[in-house]
Amino acid sequence: MPTITPFLWFDGQAEAAAAFYVSVFPDSAIHHVSRYGEAGREQHGQTPGTVMTVAFELDGQPFTALNGGPVFQFSPAVSFVIHCKTQAEIDHYWEKLGAGGAPEAQQCGWLADRFGLSWQIVPDRLVELLTGPDAAAAGRVMEAMMQMKKIDIAALERAAEA
């Protein structure tokens, strides 16, 4: 089966972003860095020797970061979901990834990190509560979640039981 590797476009921050992400996730590493050369300079416009791509892995998922220039920006139209089992996991990823990000992007478990990349920090329990057989409980859980920035599992449980 082919591997799907998200390819992330940065404006000169690819190496810093990859280093940051591997510091946040367990079992993560930077695998290699490639640099721009003279070839293609008329197209890419980058200084020879500067970082072109960084191949890295976050907890088994491969990624590539590209220093492509200011042409494209990240948007919430694409986000990466982190499935969490515990509140401690939610708190860890929220604190680390949210540091330096845009506070206005924080809603319903979504955040944008300091590089503008969007993440969803989602407890497995949220999915269970929203897809369970009790439609009224699911509605109360949805209502509670819509009021949150960072997801609070205990508050979701209370809403389901109300």
N, C-alpha and C. Protein backbone atom coordinates (compact mmCIF):
# COMPACT_ATOMS: atom_id res chain seq x y z
N MET A 1 0.85 -1.18 0.00
CA MET A 1 0.00 0.00 0.00
C MET A 1 0.89 1.24 0.00
N PRO A 2 0.56 2.23 -0.80
CA PRO A 2 1.38 3.45 -0.82
C PRO A 2 1.26 4.22 0.49
N THR A 3 2.28 5.00 0.77
CA THR A 3 2.30 5.84 1.96
C THR A 3 1.82 7.24 1.59
N ILE A 4 0.97 7.81 2.42
CA ILE A 4 0.53 9.19 2.24
C ILE A 4 1.37 10.05 3.17
N THR A 5 2.08 11.01 2.60
CA THR A 5 2.93 11.91 3.38
C THR A 5 2.46 13.34 3.21
N PRO A 6 1.92 13.96 4.26
CA PRO A 6 1.57 15.38 4.15
C PRO A 6 2.82 16.20 3.83
N PHE A 7 2.70 17.11 2.89
CA PHE A 7 3.79 17.95 2.42
C PHE A 7 3.41 19.38 2.79
N LEU A 8 4.11 19.95 3.75
CA LEU A 8 3.74 21.23 4.35
C LEU A 8 4.63 22.36 3.84
N TRP A 9 4.02 23.41 3.32
CA TRP A 9 4.72 24.54 2.70
C TRP A 9 4.95 25.63 3.74
N PHE A 10 6.21 25.97 3.98
CA PHE A 10 6.59 27.02 4.92
C PHE A 10 7.33 28.13 4.18
N ASP A 11 7.39 29.28 4.80
CA ASP A 11 8.14 30.42 4.27
C ASP A 11 9.41 30.59 5.10
N GLY A 12 10.38 29.70 4.89
CA GLY A 12 11.67 29.79 5.58
C GLY A 12 11.70 29.17 6.97
N GLN A 13 10.62 28.53 7.40
CA GLN A 13 10.54 27.99 8.75
C GLN A 13 10.48 26.46 8.80
N ALA A 14 10.73 25.79 7.70
CA ALA A 14 10.55 24.34 7.64
C ALA A 14 11.39 23.61 8.69
N GLU A 15 12.65 23.97 8.81
CA GLU A 15 13.52 23.27 9.76
C GLU A 15 13.10 23.54 11.20
N ALA A 16 12.77 24.77 11.52
CA ALA A 16 12.33 25.12 12.88
C ALA A 16 11.01 24.42 13.20
N ALA A 17 10.10 24.37 12.24
CA ALA A 17 8.81 23.72 12.46
C ALA A 17 8.99 22.23 12.71
N ALA A 18 9.80 21.57 11.88
CA ALA A 18 10.03 20.13 12.06
C ALA A 18 10.65 19.85 13.42
N ALA A 19 11.63 20.65 13.82
CA ALA A 19 12.27 20.47 15.13
C ALA A 19 11.24 20.66 16.25
N PHE A 20 10.38 21.64 16.11
CA PHE A 20 9.34 21.87 17.11
C PHE A 20 8.39 20.67 17.18
N TYR A 21 7.89 20.22 16.05
CA TYR A 21 6.92 19.12 16.05
C TYR A 21 7.52 17.84 16.63
N VAL A 22 8.76 17.51 16.30
CA VAL A 22 9.35 16.28 16.86
C VAL A 22 9.58 16.41 18.36
N SER A 23 9.66 17.64 18.88
CA SER A 23 9.81 17.81 20.33
C SER A 23 8.48 17.62 21.06
N VAL A 24 7.37 17.71 20.34
CA VAL A 24 6.04 17.62 20.95
C VAL A 24 5.51 16.18 20.98
N PHE A 25 5.79 15.42 19.93
CA PHE A 25 5.22 14.08 19.78
C PHE A 25 6.23 13.00 20.16
N PRO A 26 5.75 11.91 20.80
CA PRO A 26 6.65 10.80 21.12
C PRO A 26 7.06 10.05 19.85
N ASP A 27 8.14 9.31 19.96
CA ASP A 27 8.60 8.46 18.86
C ASP A 27 8.67 9.23 17.55
N SER A 28 9.31 10.38 17.59
CA SER A 28 9.40 11.26 16.43
C SER A 28 10.85 11.59 16.13
N ALA A 29 11.13 11.88 14.86
CA ALA A 29 12.51 12.17 14.47
C ALA A 29 12.55 12.93 13.15
N ILE A 30 13.63 13.67 12.97
CA ILE A 30 13.94 14.26 11.68
C ILE A 30 14.82 13.25 10.96
N HIS A 31 14.45 12.89 9.74
CA HIS A 31 15.19 11.87 9.00
C HIS A 31 16.24 12.45 8.07
N HIS A 32 15.91 13.49 7.34
CA HIS A 32 16.93 14.13 6.51
C HIS A 32 16.51 15.54 6.10
N VAL A 33 17.52 16.30 5.74
CA VAL A 33 17.34 17.68 5.31
C VAL A 33 18.00 17.82 3.93
N SER A 34 17.28 18.39 2.98
CA SER A 34 17.89 18.69 1.67
C SER A 34 18.01 20.20 1.54
N ARG A 35 18.94 20.62 0.70
CA ARG A 35 19.23 22.05 0.56
C ARG A 35 19.11 22.47 -0.90
N TYR A 36 18.75 23.73 -1.07
CA TYR A 36 18.68 24.29 -2.41
C TYR A 36 20.08 24.41 -2.99
N GLY A 37 20.18 24.20 -4.29
CA GLY A 37 21.43 24.40 -5.01
C GLY A 37 21.23 25.46 -6.08
N GLU A 38 22.21 25.57 -6.95
CA GLU A 38 22.11 26.53 -8.06
C GLU A 38 21.06 26.09 -9.07
N ALA A 39 20.92 24.77 -9.26
CA ALA A 39 19.98 24.27 -10.25
C ALA A 39 18.56 24.73 -9.93
N GLY A 40 17.90 25.30 -10.90
CA GLY A 40 16.52 25.73 -10.73
C GLY A 40 16.35 27.05 -10.00
N ARG A 41 17.45 27.73 -9.72
CA ARG A 41 17.37 28.97 -8.94
C ARG A 41 16.45 30.01 -9.59
N GLU A 42 16.40 30.03 -10.92
CA GLU A 42 15.52 30.99 -11.59
C GLU A 42 14.04 30.69 -11.30
N GLN A 43 13.71 29.44 -10.95
CA GLN A 43 12.34 29.10 -10.58
C GLN A 43 12.10 29.25 -9.07
N HIS A 44 12.99 28.69 -8.26
CA HIS A 44 12.74 28.68 -6.81
C HIS A 44 13.19 29.96 -6.11
N GLY A 45 14.16 30.66 -6.64
CA GLY A 45 14.59 31.93 -6.08
C GLY A 45 15.25 31.86 -4.71
N GLN A 46 15.61 30.68 -4.26
CA GLN A 46 16.19 30.52 -2.93
C GLN A 46 17.72 30.58 -3.00
N THR A 47 18.33 31.01 -1.92
CA THR A 47 19.78 31.07 -1.83
C THR A 47 20.35 29.66 -1.76
N PRO A 48 21.31 29.33 -2.62
CA PRO A 48 21.92 28.01 -2.54
C PRO A 48 22.47 27.72 -1.14
N GLY A 49 22.22 26.50 -0.68
CA GLY A 49 22.67 26.09 0.64
C GLY A 49 21.61 26.21 1.72
N THR A 50 20.53 26.96 1.44
CA THR A 50 19.47 27.07 2.45
C THR A 50 18.60 25.81 2.41
N VAL A 51 17.91 25.56 3.51
CA VAL A 51 17.09 24.36 3.64
C VAL A 51 15.95 24.39 2.62
N MET A 52 15.83 23.28 1.86
CA MET A 52 14.72 23.12 0.94
C MET A 52 13.63 22.27 1.59
N THR A 53 13.96 21.02 1.97
CA THR A 53 12.97 20.15 2.60
C THR A 53 13.53 19.50 3.85
N VAL A 54 12.61 19.16 4.74
CA VAL A 54 12.94 18.41 5.95
C VAL A 54 11.96 17.25 6.02
N ALA A 55 12.49 16.03 5.96
CA ALA A 55 11.65 14.83 6.11
C ALA A 55 11.66 14.45 7.59
N PHE A 56 10.48 14.33 8.16
CA PHE A 56 10.38 13.99 9.57
C PHE A 56 9.20 13.07 9.81
N GLU A 57 9.16 12.49 11.00
CA GLU A 57 8.12 11.55 11.36
C GLU A 57 7.58 11.92 12.74
N LEU A 58 6.27 11.92 12.87
CA LEU A 58 5.62 12.18 14.15
C LEU A 58 4.86 10.93 14.56
N ASP A 59 5.37 10.24 15.55
CA ASP A 59 4.73 9.04 16.08
C ASP A 59 4.31 8.08 14.97
N GLY A 60 5.22 7.85 14.02
CA GLY A 60 4.98 6.90 12.95
C GLY A 60 4.42 7.49 11.67
N GLN A 61 3.95 8.72 11.69
CA GLN A 61 3.37 9.37 10.50
C GLN A 61 4.44 10.21 9.81
N PRO A 62 4.76 9.90 8.54
CA PRO A 62 5.76 10.71 7.84
C PRO A 62 5.19 12.06 7.39
N PHE A 63 6.06 13.06 7.39
CA PHE A 63 5.75 14.41 6.91
C PHE A 63 6.96 14.93 6.15
N THR A 64 6.73 15.89 5.27
CA THR A 64 7.82 16.64 4.66
C THR A 64 7.48 18.12 4.77
N ALA A 65 8.44 18.90 5.22
CA ALA A 65 8.29 20.36 5.30
C ALA A 65 9.14 20.97 4.19
N LEU A 66 8.59 21.93 3.48
CA LEU A 66 9.26 22.60 2.36
C LEU A 66 9.36 24.09 2.65
N ASN A 67 10.53 24.65 2.43
CA ASN A 67 10.67 26.11 2.44
C ASN A 67 10.38 26.58 1.02
N GLY A 68 9.13 26.89 0.75
CA GLY A 68 8.72 27.26 -0.60
C GLY A 68 8.55 28.74 -0.83
N GLY A 69 8.70 29.54 0.23
CA GLY A 69 8.52 30.98 0.08
C GLY A 69 7.14 31.43 0.54
N PRO A 70 6.83 32.70 0.33
CA PRO A 70 5.60 33.29 0.87
C PRO A 70 4.34 33.08 0.03
N VAL A 71 4.40 32.21 -0.96
CA VAL A 71 3.30 32.06 -1.91
C VAL A 71 2.02 31.52 -1.26
N PHE A 72 2.15 30.50 -0.39
CA PHE A 72 0.98 29.85 0.21
C PHE A 72 1.02 29.96 1.73
N GLN A 73 -0.16 29.99 2.33
CA GLN A 73 -0.31 30.06 3.79
C GLN A 73 -1.19 28.89 4.23
N PHE A 74 -1.02 28.46 5.47
CA PHE A 74 -1.91 27.44 6.03
C PHE A 74 -3.27 28.07 6.31
N SER A 75 -4.31 27.23 6.33
CA SER A 75 -5.64 27.68 6.72
C SER A 75 -6.33 26.56 7.49
N PRO A 76 -7.38 26.88 8.23
CA PRO A 76 -8.11 25.84 8.96
C PRO A 76 -8.85 24.85 8.04
N ALA A 77 -8.84 25.11 6.73
CA ALA A 77 -9.48 24.18 5.80
C ALA A 77 -8.82 22.81 5.84
N VAL A 78 -7.56 22.76 6.28
CA VAL A 78 -6.86 21.49 6.47
C VAL A 78 -6.30 21.49 7.88
N SER A 79 -6.59 20.42 8.62
CA SER A 79 -6.08 20.32 9.98
C SER A 79 -5.66 18.88 10.24
N PHE A 80 -4.85 18.70 11.27
CA PHE A 80 -4.43 17.37 11.69
C PHE A 80 -5.10 17.05 13.01
N VAL A 81 -5.75 15.89 13.09
CA VAL A 81 -6.47 15.48 14.29
C VAL A 81 -5.55 14.61 15.13
N ILE A 82 -5.46 14.94 16.41
CA ILE A 82 -4.72 14.14 17.38
C ILE A 82 -5.76 13.47 18.27
N HIS A 83 -5.87 12.15 18.17
CA HIS A 83 -6.83 11.39 18.97
C HIS A 83 -6.21 11.11 20.33
N CYS A 84 -6.86 11.57 21.39
CA CYS A 84 -6.33 11.44 22.75
C CYS A 84 -7.21 10.53 23.59
N LYS A 85 -6.56 9.75 24.44
CA LYS A 85 -7.28 8.85 25.33
C LYS A 85 -7.58 9.51 26.68
N THR A 86 -6.74 10.44 27.12
CA THR A 86 -6.88 11.02 28.46
C THR A 86 -6.86 12.54 28.41
N GLN A 87 -7.32 13.13 29.51
CA GLN A 87 -7.26 14.59 29.64
C GLN A 87 -5.81 15.05 29.69
N ALA A 88 -4.94 14.25 30.29
CA ALA A 88 -3.52 14.61 30.35
C ALA A 88 -2.93 14.73 28.95
N GLU A 89 -3.30 13.82 28.04
CA GLU A 89 -2.83 13.93 26.66
C GLU A 89 -3.37 15.20 26.00
N ILE A 90 -4.64 15.47 26.20
CA ILE A 90 -5.24 16.69 25.64
C ILE A 90 -4.48 17.92 26.15
N ASP A 91 -4.27 17.96 27.46
CA ASP A 91 -3.58 19.11 28.06
C ASP A 91 -2.17 19.28 27.49
N HIS A 92 -1.45 18.16 27.33
CA HIS A 92 -0.08 18.20 26.79
C HIS A 92 -0.07 18.82 25.39
N TYR A 93 -0.86 18.26 24.47
CA TYR A 93 -0.84 18.75 23.09
C TYR A 93 -1.39 20.16 22.97
N TRP A 94 -2.40 20.47 23.77
CA TRP A 94 -2.97 21.82 23.74
C TRP A 94 -1.93 22.85 24.17
N GLU A 95 -1.25 22.55 25.27
CA GLU A 95 -0.24 23.48 25.79
C GLU A 95 0.92 23.64 24.82
N LYS A 96 1.46 22.53 24.34
CA LYS A 96 2.65 22.58 23.47
C LYS A 96 2.32 23.20 22.11
N LEU A 97 1.29 22.69 21.44
CA LEU A 97 0.99 23.17 20.10
C LEU A 97 0.36 24.56 20.11
N GLY A 98 -0.37 24.89 21.16
CA GLY A 98 -1.03 26.19 21.22
C GLY A 98 -0.12 27.34 21.60
N ALA A 99 1.04 27.03 22.20
CA ALA A 99 1.97 28.08 22.64
C ALA A 99 2.43 28.91 21.44
N GLY A 100 2.16 30.20 21.49
CA GLY A 100 2.58 31.09 20.41
C GLY A 100 1.63 31.13 19.23
N GLY A 101 0.57 30.33 19.28
CA GLY A 101 -0.41 30.33 18.20
C GLY A 101 -1.44 31.42 18.39
N ALA A 102 -2.34 31.53 17.44
CA ALA A 102 -3.37 32.57 17.47
C ALA A 102 -4.49 32.18 18.43
N PRO A 103 -4.69 32.94 19.52
CA PRO A 103 -5.77 32.61 20.47
C PRO A 103 -7.15 32.57 19.82
N GLU A 104 -7.37 33.42 18.82
CA GLU A 104 -8.68 33.45 18.17
C GLU A 104 -8.97 32.19 17.37
N ALA A 105 -7.95 31.38 17.10
CA ALA A 105 -8.15 30.12 16.36
C ALA A 105 -8.56 28.98 17.28
N GLN A 106 -8.56 29.21 18.58
CA GLN A 106 -8.87 28.16 19.54
C GLN A 106 -10.38 28.06 19.77
N GLN A 107 -10.96 26.97 19.28
CA GLN A 107 -12.39 26.75 19.45
C GLN A 107 -12.71 25.28 19.22
N CYS A 108 -13.51 24.71 20.11
CA CYS A 108 -14.02 23.33 19.96
C CYS A 108 -12.91 22.31 19.76
N GLY A 109 -11.78 22.49 20.44
CA GLY A 109 -10.68 21.54 20.30
C GLY A 109 -9.72 21.86 19.16
N TRP A 110 -10.00 22.90 18.39
CA TRP A 110 -9.12 23.31 17.30
C TRP A 110 -8.17 24.38 17.79
N LEU A 111 -6.96 24.39 17.22
CA LEU A 111 -6.02 25.47 17.47
C LEU A 111 -5.10 25.61 16.27
N ALA A 112 -4.47 26.77 16.17
CA ALA A 112 -3.44 26.99 15.15
C ALA A 112 -2.14 27.20 15.91
N ASP A 113 -1.09 26.50 15.50
CA ASP A 113 0.19 26.61 16.20
C ASP A 113 0.94 27.87 15.76
N ARG A 114 2.15 28.05 16.28
CA ARG A 114 2.93 29.26 16.00
C ARG A 114 3.30 29.41 14.53
N PHE A 115 3.18 28.33 13.75
CA PHE A 115 3.49 28.38 12.32
C PHE A 115 2.22 28.55 11.48
N GLY A 116 1.06 28.56 12.14
CA GLY A 116 -0.21 28.72 11.44
C GLY A 116 -0.89 27.42 11.06
N LEU A 117 -0.28 26.28 11.38
CA LEU A 117 -0.85 24.98 11.05
C LEU A 117 -1.96 24.64 12.04
N SER A 118 -3.09 24.16 11.53
CA SER A 118 -4.26 23.85 12.37
C SER A 118 -4.23 22.41 12.85
N TRP A 119 -4.61 22.25 14.11
CA TRP A 119 -4.67 20.94 14.78
C TRP A 119 -6.02 20.82 15.48
N GLN A 120 -6.51 19.60 15.57
CA GLN A 120 -7.68 19.29 16.39
C GLN A 120 -7.23 18.32 17.47
N ILE A 121 -7.42 18.70 18.72
CA ILE A 121 -7.04 17.86 19.85
C ILE A 121 -8.34 17.23 20.36
N VAL A 122 -8.58 15.98 20.01
CA VAL A 122 -9.89 15.35 20.19
C VAL A 122 -9.80 14.11 21.08
N PRO A 123 -10.58 14.09 22.16
CA PRO A 123 -10.61 12.88 22.98
C PRO A 123 -11.45 11.79 22.30
N ASP A 124 -10.98 10.56 22.37
CA ASP A 124 -11.76 9.44 21.84
C ASP A 124 -13.16 9.43 22.45
N ARG A 125 -13.25 9.83 23.71
CA ARG A 125 -14.53 9.81 24.41
C ARG A 125 -15.55 10.74 23.75
N LEU A 126 -15.11 11.84 23.17
CA LEU A 126 -16.04 12.75 22.48
C LEU A 126 -16.76 12.01 21.36
N VAL A 127 -16.02 11.27 20.57
CA VAL A 127 -16.61 10.53 19.45
C VAL A 127 -17.61 9.51 19.98
N GLU A 128 -17.25 8.82 21.06
CA GLU A 128 -18.17 7.84 21.65
C GLU A 128 -19.46 8.50 22.11
N LEU A 129 -19.35 9.64 22.78
CA LEU A 129 -20.53 10.33 23.29
C LEU A 129 -21.41 10.89 22.17
N LEU A 130 -20.79 11.36 21.10
CA LEU A 130 -21.56 11.93 20.00
C LEU A 130 -22.22 10.88 19.12
N THR A 131 -21.69 9.67 19.12
CA THR A 131 -22.22 8.62 18.24
C THR A 131 -22.96 7.53 19.00
N GLY A 132 -23.15 7.73 20.30
CA GLY A 132 -23.85 6.74 21.12
C GLY A 132 -25.34 6.69 20.79
N PRO A 133 -26.06 5.75 21.41
CA PRO A 133 -27.48 5.55 21.11
C PRO A 133 -28.41 6.63 21.67
N ASP A 134 -27.93 7.44 22.62
CA ASP A 134 -28.77 8.46 23.25
C ASP A 134 -28.60 9.80 22.52
N ALA A 135 -29.55 10.09 21.63
CA ALA A 135 -29.46 11.31 20.81
C ALA A 135 -29.54 12.57 21.67
N ALA A 136 -30.33 12.54 22.72
CA ALA A 136 -30.44 13.72 23.59
C ALA A 136 -29.12 13.99 24.29
N ALA A 137 -28.48 12.93 24.77
CA ALA A 137 -27.17 13.09 25.42
C ALA A 137 -26.15 13.62 24.42
N ALA A 138 -26.18 13.08 23.20
CA ALA A 138 -25.26 13.56 22.16
C ALA A 138 -25.47 15.04 21.89
N GLY A 139 -26.71 15.49 21.89
CA GLY A 139 -27.00 16.91 21.69
C GLY A 139 -26.45 17.77 22.80
N ARG A 140 -26.58 17.29 24.04
CA ARG A 140 -26.04 18.04 25.18
C ARG A 140 -24.51 18.09 25.13
N VAL A 141 -23.90 16.99 24.71
CA VAL A 141 -22.44 16.94 24.57
C VAL A 141 -21.99 17.93 23.49
N MET A 142 -22.69 17.94 22.38
CA MET A 142 -22.35 18.88 21.29
C MET A 142 -22.47 20.32 21.78
N GLU A 143 -23.55 20.61 22.49
CA GLU A 143 -23.76 21.96 23.03
C GLU A 143 -22.61 22.35 23.96
N ALA A 144 -22.20 21.43 24.83
CA ALA A 144 -21.10 21.71 25.77
C ALA A 144 -19.79 21.92 25.01
N MET A 145 -19.53 21.06 24.03
CA MET A 145 -18.29 21.17 23.27
C MET A 145 -18.20 22.49 22.52
N MET A 146 -19.32 22.97 22.00
CA MET A 146 -19.32 24.21 21.23
C MET A 146 -18.95 25.42 22.09
N GLN A 147 -19.03 25.30 23.39
CA GLN A 147 -18.67 26.39 24.30
C GLN A 147 -17.20 26.33 24.72
N MET A 148 -16.51 25.25 24.37
CA MET A 148 -15.14 25.04 24.84
C MET A 148 -14.11 25.54 23.84
N LYS A 149 -12.96 25.85 24.35
CA LYS A 149 -11.77 26.02 23.52
C LYS A 149 -11.05 24.67 23.56
N LYS A 150 -10.35 24.39 24.66
CA LYS A 150 -9.74 23.07 24.87
C LYS A 150 -10.84 22.14 25.38
N ILE A 151 -10.90 20.94 24.85
CA ILE A 151 -11.92 19.97 25.25
C ILE A 151 -11.65 19.47 26.67
N ASP A 152 -12.71 19.43 27.46
CA ASP A 152 -12.67 18.96 28.84
C ASP A 152 -13.54 17.70 28.91
N ILE A 153 -12.89 16.54 29.05
CA ILE A 153 -13.62 15.27 29.03
C ILE A 153 -14.64 15.20 30.16
N ALA A 154 -14.26 15.61 31.37
CA ALA A 154 -15.18 15.54 32.51
C ALA A 154 -16.42 16.39 32.26
N ALA A 155 -16.26 17.55 31.67
CA ALA A 155 -17.41 18.41 31.36
C ALA A 155 -18.31 17.77 30.31
N LEU A 156 -17.72 17.07 29.35
CA LEU A 156 -18.52 16.36 28.35
C LEU A 156 -19.32 15.25 29.01
N GLU A 157 -18.69 14.52 29.92
CA GLU A 157 -19.37 13.44 30.65
C GLU A 157 -20.54 14.00 31.45
N ARG A 158 -20.32 15.12 32.12
CA ARG A 158 -21.40 15.75 32.90
C ARG A 158 -22.56 16.15 31.99
N ALA A 159 -22.24 16.69 30.83
CA ALA A 159 -23.29 17.08 29.88
C ALA A 159 -24.08 15.86 29.41
N ALA A 160 -23.39 14.78 29.15
CA ALA A 160 -24.07 13.56 28.69
C ALA A 160 -25.01 13.02 29.76
N GLU A 161 -24.62 13.14 31.01
CA GLU A 161 -25.40 12.58 32.12
C GLU A 161 -26.51 13.50 32.60
N ALA A 162 -26.51 14.76 32.18
CA ALA A 162 -27.50 15.74 32.68
C ALA A 162 -28.92 15.39 32.29
